[in-house]
Amino acid sequence: MADRFAERLPRPLRRVLARARPDVPPLTRPGRSARFRTASHNRFWWHRLRSTDYVPPLYAGLSLREWAVVQGWFAQTGRHGRMVAEINVPAMSVVTALVAGNGIRRVVQLGHHYGYSALLLGFTLRAMGARPGLFTIDIDPAACEFTRRWLAHAGLCDHVVVREGASADPRLADDAAAVLGGPPEVVLVDSSHAYSHTLASWTCGRRAFPSGASSCCTTPASSPPPSIPPRRAACVGPSPSGCRTIPRWPASRSTATSRPARTATR
């Protein structure tokens, strides 16, 4: 997602965000995310749906301190209008459930933007005792600095490692494996919504990472997912109507694996 938004952020705003100090409220408000139902910002669209009048497990499972961090992150990024975005609740719920439900302790994230997904994955991996468990890279220096500050404030520096660079860099795999102590079990591709860059990231991952790894990817809605290793894929779309299941890729467009891998695309 970083490549999509980095060019839209004015340079003065990027400098302000990079230097911003995390501001976490001392006490969380009752109901946690229930108050988002009345928020006007379009980032809270999921909370305003008729069927989502509840606090999602994604937030309900956080400690009071962790929810206060998330609440502070929303407040600080919300002060900059609609220039900072994050992965939506359905997609983030799939990713954290995939990691926690399968005991996955080595995750590579290609593109973290301003750190929302890195924080929530960090909380999940900390609860699992993964140290470090997440290697995340982004091409935007301001986004990396902002994310590092919030991770430090959340006490996640031992669990999440932030790198600045291109997600399609062929040297990424060796760096990630050295940090995590082995090849990743999940690769989260969230660096761009441009088809060409997504394809480049997938190609890099397919060649560098083990074929048995699970993959979670964001792809442009107007284009089909590029050639990928896994045999099965589930899609969590950017809107409630965007969910679909892809039962099987043709043999010419997939790489055989020793076991079915799970892939979520958004």
Protein backbone atom coordinates (compact mmCIF):
# COMPACT_ATOMS: atom_id res chain seq x y z
CA MET A 1 0.00 0.00 0.00
CA ALA A 2 2.94 2.32 0.57
CA ASP A 3 3.77 2.77 -3.11
CA ARG A 4 0.18 3.74 -3.80
CA PHE A 5 0.04 6.52 -1.22
CA ALA A 6 3.65 7.67 -0.89
CA GLU A 7 3.52 9.82 -4.01
CA ARG A 8 0.24 11.44 -2.88
CA LEU A 9 1.58 12.60 0.46
CA PRO A 10 3.04 16.13 0.27
CA ARG A 11 6.65 16.24 1.36
CA PRO A 12 5.95 18.60 4.31
CA LEU A 13 3.30 16.18 5.62
CA ARG A 14 5.66 13.21 5.24
CA ARG A 15 8.30 15.07 7.30
CA VAL A 16 5.73 15.91 9.99
CA LEU A 17 4.59 12.29 10.22
CA ALA A 18 8.16 11.01 10.35
CA ARG A 19 8.93 13.29 13.34
CA ALA A 20 5.58 12.87 15.11
CA ARG A 21 5.75 11.47 18.63
CA PRO A 22 3.26 8.69 19.44
CA ASP A 23 0.40 10.05 21.53
CA VAL A 24 -1.38 7.22 23.34
CA PRO A 25 -4.37 8.02 25.60
CA PRO A 26 -3.87 6.88 29.22
CA LEU A 27 -7.23 5.08 29.35
CA THR A 28 -9.19 3.47 26.56
CA ARG A 29 -12.79 4.50 25.97
CA PRO A 30 -15.60 2.03 26.74
CA GLY A 31 -16.73 -0.11 23.85
CA ARG A 32 -13.40 0.11 22.04
CA SER A 33 -14.12 0.35 18.30
CA ALA A 34 -17.90 0.62 18.79
CA ARG A 35 -17.52 4.40 18.65
CA PHE A 36 -16.23 4.10 15.06
CA ARG A 37 -19.84 3.51 13.93
CA THR A 38 -20.49 7.22 14.27
CA ALA A 39 -17.17 8.38 12.79
CA SER A 40 -17.41 10.16 9.44
CA HIS A 41 -13.99 9.12 8.09
CA ASN A 42 -14.32 6.57 5.28
CA ARG A 43 -11.62 4.39 6.89
CA PHE A 44 -14.35 3.22 9.31
CA TRP A 45 -16.78 2.00 6.61
CA TRP A 46 -16.78 -1.56 7.97
CA HIS A 47 -18.00 -0.45 11.40
CA ARG A 48 -21.02 1.27 9.85
CA LEU A 49 -22.37 -1.85 8.17
CA ARG A 50 -25.73 -3.14 9.38
CA SER A 51 -24.29 -6.53 10.41
CA THR A 52 -21.17 -5.28 12.24
CA ASP A 53 -22.63 -3.78 15.41
CA TYR A 54 -19.92 -5.37 17.57
CA VAL A 55 -16.24 -5.10 18.43
CA PRO A 56 -14.36 -7.42 16.03
CA PRO A 57 -12.12 -10.09 17.62
CA LEU A 58 -9.22 -8.31 15.92
CA TYR A 59 -9.64 -5.54 18.53
CA ALA A 60 -11.46 -7.39 21.31
CA GLY A 61 -8.48 -9.66 21.87
CA LEU A 62 -6.06 -6.80 22.54
CA SER A 63 -5.01 -5.83 26.04
CA LEU A 64 -6.06 -2.44 27.39
CA ARG A 65 -2.59 -1.06 26.68
CA GLU A 66 -2.52 -2.49 23.14
CA TRP A 67 -5.95 -1.06 22.32
CA ALA A 68 -4.84 2.31 23.68
CA VAL A 69 -1.93 2.20 21.20
CA VAL A 70 -4.27 1.40 18.31
CA GLN A 71 -6.65 4.16 19.41
CA GLY A 72 -3.77 6.62 19.59
CA TRP A 73 -2.53 5.56 16.15
CA PHE A 74 -5.97 6.18 14.64
CA ALA A 75 -6.18 9.58 16.34
CA GLN A 76 -2.76 10.74 15.16
CA THR A 77 -3.09 9.55 11.56
CA GLY A 78 -6.68 10.82 11.42
CA ARG A 79 -5.48 14.37 12.02
CA HIS A 80 -3.94 14.30 8.54
CA GLY A 81 -7.23 13.87 6.73
CA ARG A 82 -7.52 11.03 4.23
CA MET A 83 -3.84 10.90 3.30
CA VAL A 84 -3.00 7.90 5.51
CA ALA A 85 -4.82 4.60 4.98
CA GLU A 86 -4.63 1.07 6.32
CA ILE A 87 -5.74 -2.47 5.56
CA ASN A 88 -9.41 -3.03 6.33
CA VAL A 89 -10.85 -5.05 9.22
CA PRO A 90 -11.89 -8.15 7.18
CA ALA A 91 -8.49 -8.52 5.49
CA MET A 92 -6.49 -7.83 8.67
CA SER A 93 -8.65 -10.34 10.55
CA VAL A 94 -7.82 -13.01 7.96
CA VAL A 95 -4.08 -12.32 8.23
CA THR A 96 -3.90 -12.38 12.03
CA ALA A 97 -6.11 -15.49 12.20
CA LEU A 98 -3.90 -17.24 9.64
CA VAL A 99 -0.79 -16.46 11.68
CA ALA A 100 -2.17 -17.18 15.15
CA GLY A 101 -4.29 -20.16 14.14
CA ASN A 102 -1.39 -21.99 12.52
CA GLY A 103 1.45 -21.18 14.91
CA ILE A 104 3.28 -19.17 12.26
CA ARG A 105 6.30 -17.38 13.74
CA ARG A 106 8.16 -16.09 10.67
CA VAL A 107 6.31 -13.46 8.61
CA VAL A 108 7.58 -11.17 5.85
CA GLN A 109 5.52 -8.08 5.01
CA LEU A 110 6.19 -6.23 1.76
CA GLY A 111 4.84 -2.73 2.41
CA HIS A 112 3.60 -1.55 5.80
CA HIS A 113 2.76 2.09 4.95
CA TYR A 114 2.33 3.90 8.32
CA GLY A 115 2.36 0.82 10.49
CA TYR A 116 -1.22 -0.22 11.33
CA SER A 117 -0.81 -3.79 10.08
CA ALA A 118 2.70 -4.03 11.57
CA LEU A 119 1.31 -3.09 15.00
CA LEU A 120 -1.51 -5.64 14.91
CA LEU A 121 0.73 -8.40 13.56
CA GLY A 122 3.29 -7.44 16.20
CA PHE A 123 0.70 -7.83 18.98
CA THR A 124 -0.27 -11.25 17.61
CA LEU A 125 3.32 -12.47 17.31
CA ARG A 126 4.23 -11.15 20.77
CA ALA A 127 1.38 -13.18 22.27
CA MET A 128 2.83 -16.22 20.48
CA GLY A 129 6.35 -15.56 21.76
CA ALA A 130 7.86 -14.94 18.31
CA ARG A 131 11.00 -12.81 18.73
CA PRO A 132 11.40 -11.46 16.11
CA GLY A 133 8.42 -12.73 14.17
CA LEU A 134 7.82 -10.02 11.58
CA PHE A 135 10.22 -8.60 9.00
CA THR A 136 8.55 -5.67 7.25
CA ILE A 137 9.87 -3.44 4.46
CA ASP A 138 8.63 -0.22 2.91
CA ILE A 139 10.06 2.12 0.29
CA ASP A 140 8.92 5.34 2.01
CA PRO A 141 11.48 6.68 4.55
CA ALA A 142 8.87 8.78 6.37
CA ALA A 143 6.54 5.80 6.70
CA CYS A 144 9.37 3.65 8.04
CA GLU A 145 10.35 6.23 10.65
CA PHE A 146 6.73 6.75 11.73
CA THR A 147 6.22 2.99 12.01
CA ARG A 148 9.40 2.52 14.05
CA ARG A 149 8.28 5.16 16.55
CA TRP A 150 4.91 3.51 17.08
CA LEU A 151 6.40 0.03 17.33
CA ALA A 152 8.83 1.30 19.95
CA HIS A 153 6.01 2.95 21.88
CA ALA A 154 4.06 -0.31 21.75
CA GLY A 155 7.04 -2.27 23.04
CA LEU A 156 7.31 -4.35 19.86
CA CYS A 157 10.92 -3.69 18.81
CA ASP A 158 11.92 -7.24 19.80
CA HIS A 159 9.12 -8.71 17.71
CA VAL A 160 9.06 -6.54 14.56
CA VAL A 161 12.02 -5.47 12.41
CA VAL A 162 11.50 -2.57 9.97
CA ARG A 163 13.61 -2.16 6.84
CA GLU A 164 13.57 0.66 4.30
CA GLY A 165 13.77 -0.48 0.69
CA ALA A 166 11.99 -1.88 -2.36
CA SER A 167 9.75 -4.91 -1.88
CA ALA A 168 10.90 -6.39 -5.20
CA ASP A 169 14.59 -6.33 -4.23
CA PRO A 170 16.01 -9.83 -4.90
CA ARG A 171 18.26 -9.49 -1.83
CA LEU A 172 15.22 -9.29 0.42
CA ALA A 173 14.87 -13.03 0.98
CA ASP A 174 18.36 -13.50 2.43
CA ASP A 175 17.99 -10.46 4.69
CA ALA A 176 14.59 -11.61 5.97
CA ALA A 177 15.77 -15.17 6.59
CA ALA A 178 18.79 -13.91 8.54
CA VAL A 179 16.60 -11.72 10.75
CA LEU A 180 13.85 -14.30 11.33
CA GLY A 181 16.18 -17.25 11.77
CA GLY A 182 14.79 -19.11 8.76
CA PRO A 183 12.66 -18.72 5.63
CA PRO A 184 9.24 -17.08 6.09
CA GLU A 185 6.12 -19.11 6.61
CA VAL A 186 3.90 -16.29 5.37
CA VAL A 187 4.62 -13.49 2.88
CA LEU A 188 2.20 -10.54 3.04
CA VAL A 189 2.33 -8.48 -0.18
CA ASP A 190 0.81 -5.08 0.56
CA SER A 191 3.31 -2.77 -1.11
CA SER A 192 1.33 -1.57 -4.10
CA HIS A 193 -2.02 -1.72 -5.87
CA ALA A 194 -0.35 -1.26 -9.25
CA TYR A 195 -0.47 -4.52 -11.21
CA SER A 196 3.08 -4.25 -12.56
CA HIS A 197 4.62 -3.75 -9.11
CA THR A 198 2.48 -6.47 -7.54
CA LEU A 199 3.63 -8.84 -10.28
CA ALA A 200 7.26 -7.90 -9.65
CA SER A 201 6.86 -8.54 -5.91
CA TRP A 202 5.18 -11.89 -6.56
CA THR A 203 7.90 -12.90 -9.00
CA CYS A 204 10.59 -11.99 -6.48
CA GLY A 205 8.81 -13.93 -3.76
CA ARG A 206 8.16 -16.97 -5.94
CA ARG A 207 11.84 -17.28 -6.79
CA ALA A 208 13.33 -16.40 -3.43
CA PHE A 209 10.97 -17.88 -0.84
CA PRO A 210 10.08 -21.56 -0.30
CA SER A 211 7.17 -22.82 -2.38
CA GLY A 212 5.39 -24.15 0.71
CA ALA A 213 5.05 -20.71 2.28
CA SER A 214 1.60 -19.16 2.58
CA SER A 215 1.05 -15.87 0.79
CA CYS A 216 -1.28 -12.94 1.43
CA CYS A 217 -1.48 -10.35 -1.31
CA THR A 218 -3.27 -7.14 -2.25
CA THR A 219 -3.93 -6.90 -5.98
CA PRO A 220 -5.75 -4.33 -8.13
CA ALA A 221 -9.43 -5.18 -8.48
CA SER A 222 -9.28 -4.65 -12.25
CA SER A 223 -6.60 -7.32 -12.80
CA PRO A 224 -6.39 -11.02 -12.00
CA PRO A 225 -3.77 -12.15 -9.47
CA PRO A 226 -0.45 -12.86 -11.16
CA SER A 227 1.21 -16.28 -11.36
CA ILE A 228 1.54 -17.57 -7.82
CA PRO A 229 2.85 -20.73 -6.15
CA PRO A 230 -0.15 -21.76 -4.00
CA ARG A 231 -2.86 -24.09 -5.33
CA ARG A 232 -5.77 -22.41 -3.59
CA ALA A 233 -6.62 -18.79 -2.88
CA ALA A 234 -9.24 -16.83 -0.96
CA CYS A 235 -9.98 -13.19 -1.77
CA VAL A 236 -10.91 -10.57 0.81
CA GLY A 237 -12.01 -7.60 -1.25
CA PRO A 238 -11.80 -3.87 -0.48
CA SER A 239 -15.58 -3.76 -0.05
CA PRO A 240 -18.16 -6.14 1.44
CA SER A 241 -19.07 -7.38 -2.07
CA GLY A 242 -15.45 -8.12 -2.98
CA CYS A 243 -15.16 -11.58 -1.42
CA ARG A 244 -14.75 -14.59 -3.68
CA THR A 245 -13.01 -17.94 -3.71
CA ILE A 246 -10.65 -19.12 -6.43
CA PRO A 247 -10.80 -22.95 -6.25
CA ARG A 248 -7.69 -23.86 -8.23
CA TRP A 249 -5.14 -22.24 -10.55
CA PRO A 250 -4.36 -23.90 -13.89
CA ALA A 251 -1.19 -26.01 -13.80
CA SER A 252 0.59 -23.62 -16.15
CA ARG A 253 0.04 -20.72 -13.74
CA SER A 254 1.02 -22.38 -10.47
CA THR A 255 3.95 -24.15 -8.90
CA ALA A 256 3.40 -27.55 -7.32
CA THR A 257 3.85 -27.61 -3.56
CA SER A 258 4.27 -30.45 -1.10
CA ARG A 259 1.17 -29.28 0.76
CA PRO A 260 -1.65 -26.84 -0.10
CA ALA A 261 -0.70 -23.30 0.86
CA ARG A 262 -3.18 -20.69 1.98
CA THR A 263 -3.34 -17.39 0.14
CA ALA A 264 -5.45 -14.33 0.92
CA THR A 265 -5.65 -11.56 -1.66
CA ARG A 266 -7.19 -8.18 -1.18
